[in-house]
Each structure stands twice: as structure tokens, then as C-alpha cells.
Amino acid sequence: MRDSVHQQGRTSLAVCDCGKLHFRYGMFTIHFAPDEFAAFARDVCGLAAVFSRHLNRNGVSRVVDHDQTTCH
């Protein structure tokens, strides 16, 4: 690992010697090319905004899962 870009709680971002970014969240690490990480971050920010609006309108309730995935 070359440089730690940022660390906050259980989340961290670091630049690897290979030039990829290592995004860590708890026990999970995802390796991204810089442009892939930027796209991922934009998508997560968008989902967070949608979720926040949902909470403000409906309080805590089940979020509709359009992909029919099963939790656990």
C-alpha cells in the first residue's frame, strides 16, 4: 500500500502500488481503477439521497427491492 488517502471509522481509501484504489468498509476490500471508484461513489451518493428522501417521507420501513434479491 502506497498512500492512505482517507480513513473514517471503518471506512478507508488507499492507493496501491499498482495504482488502483483500495476501498475498505469493515472486513470488505474492493479494488478500483480511479475512474471506476468515481463512478461507484457517484452511484452510492445517489442511492443515499434516494434512501434519505424515502426515510423523510415514510419513516423507517421496508425499501422496495426491484431486483427480488433475498436478504441473508
Protein backbone atom coordinates (compact mmCIF):
# COMPACT_ATOMS: atom_id res chain seq x y z
CA MET A 1 0.00 0.00 0.00
CA ARG A 2 1.45 3.32 -1.01
CA ASP A 3 -0.65 6.17 0.40
CA SER A 4 -3.64 6.33 2.69
CA VAL A 5 -5.99 8.84 1.10
CA HIS A 6 -8.61 8.92 3.83
CA GLN A 7 -9.84 6.96 6.82
CA GLN A 8 -13.07 7.48 8.73
CA GLY A 9 -14.38 4.93 11.19
CA ARG A 10 -14.45 1.55 9.49
CA THR A 11 -14.11 3.05 6.01
CA SER A 12 -10.77 3.79 4.35
CA LEU A 13 -9.40 4.59 0.92
CA ALA A 14 -5.79 3.98 -0.07
CA VAL A 15 -3.72 3.99 -3.26
CA CYS A 16 -1.95 0.71 -4.01
CA ASP A 17 1.50 0.41 -5.59
CA CYS A 18 -0.27 -0.82 -8.74
CA GLY A 19 -2.17 2.49 -8.97
CA LYS A 20 -5.58 1.08 -8.03
CA LEU A 21 -7.63 2.33 -5.13
CA HIS A 22 -8.39 0.05 -2.21
CA PHE A 23 -11.76 0.94 -0.70
CA ARG A 24 -12.28 -0.78 2.64
CA TYR A 25 -15.52 -0.98 4.54
CA GLY A 26 -15.21 -3.13 7.64
CA MET A 27 -13.92 -6.52 6.55
CA PHE A 28 -14.58 -5.91 2.83
CA THR A 29 -12.00 -4.51 0.42
CA ILE A 30 -12.83 -3.56 -3.15
CA HIS A 31 -10.10 -2.68 -5.65
CA PHE A 32 -10.98 0.02 -8.18
CA ALA A 33 -9.36 1.82 -11.05
CA PRO A 34 -9.68 5.56 -10.26
CA ASP A 35 -12.47 6.13 -12.81
CA GLU A 36 -14.37 3.06 -11.56
CA PHE A 37 -14.19 4.35 -7.98
CA ALA A 38 -15.51 7.77 -9.04
CA ALA A 39 -18.48 6.09 -10.79
CA PHE A 40 -19.11 3.84 -7.75
CA ALA A 41 -19.01 6.82 -5.38
CA ARG A 42 -21.49 8.77 -7.53
CA ASP A 43 -23.86 5.79 -7.61
CA VAL A 44 -23.68 5.28 -3.84
CA CYS A 45 -24.27 9.01 -3.24
CA GLY A 46 -27.34 8.83 -5.47
CA LEU A 47 -28.67 5.79 -3.61
CA ALA A 48 -28.06 7.51 -0.27
CA ALA A 49 -30.06 10.53 -1.45
CA VAL A 50 -32.96 8.32 -2.59
CA PHE A 51 -32.92 6.43 0.71
CA SER A 52 -32.82 9.68 2.70
CA ARG A 53 -35.84 11.03 0.83
CA HIS A 54 -37.65 7.73 1.41
CA LEU A 55 -36.97 7.92 5.16
CA ASN A 56 -38.15 11.52 5.35
CA ARG A 57 -41.45 10.61 3.65
CA ASN A 58 -42.13 7.21 5.15
CA GLY A 59 -40.04 6.83 8.28
CA VAL A 60 -38.25 3.54 8.76
CA SER A 61 -39.96 0.93 6.61
CA ARG A 62 -39.14 -1.72 4.07
CA VAL A 63 -37.50 -0.37 0.94
CA VAL A 64 -38.94 -1.90 -2.24
CA ASP A 65 -36.43 -4.30 -3.80
CA HIS A 66 -36.94 -4.26 -7.56
CA ASP A 67 -34.32 -6.97 -8.16
CA GLN A 68 -36.08 -9.54 -5.95
CA THR A 69 -32.89 -10.29 -4.01
CA THR A 70 -33.10 -12.14 -0.71
CA CYS A 71 -31.54 -10.74 2.44
CA HIS A 72 -29.47 -13.33 4.31
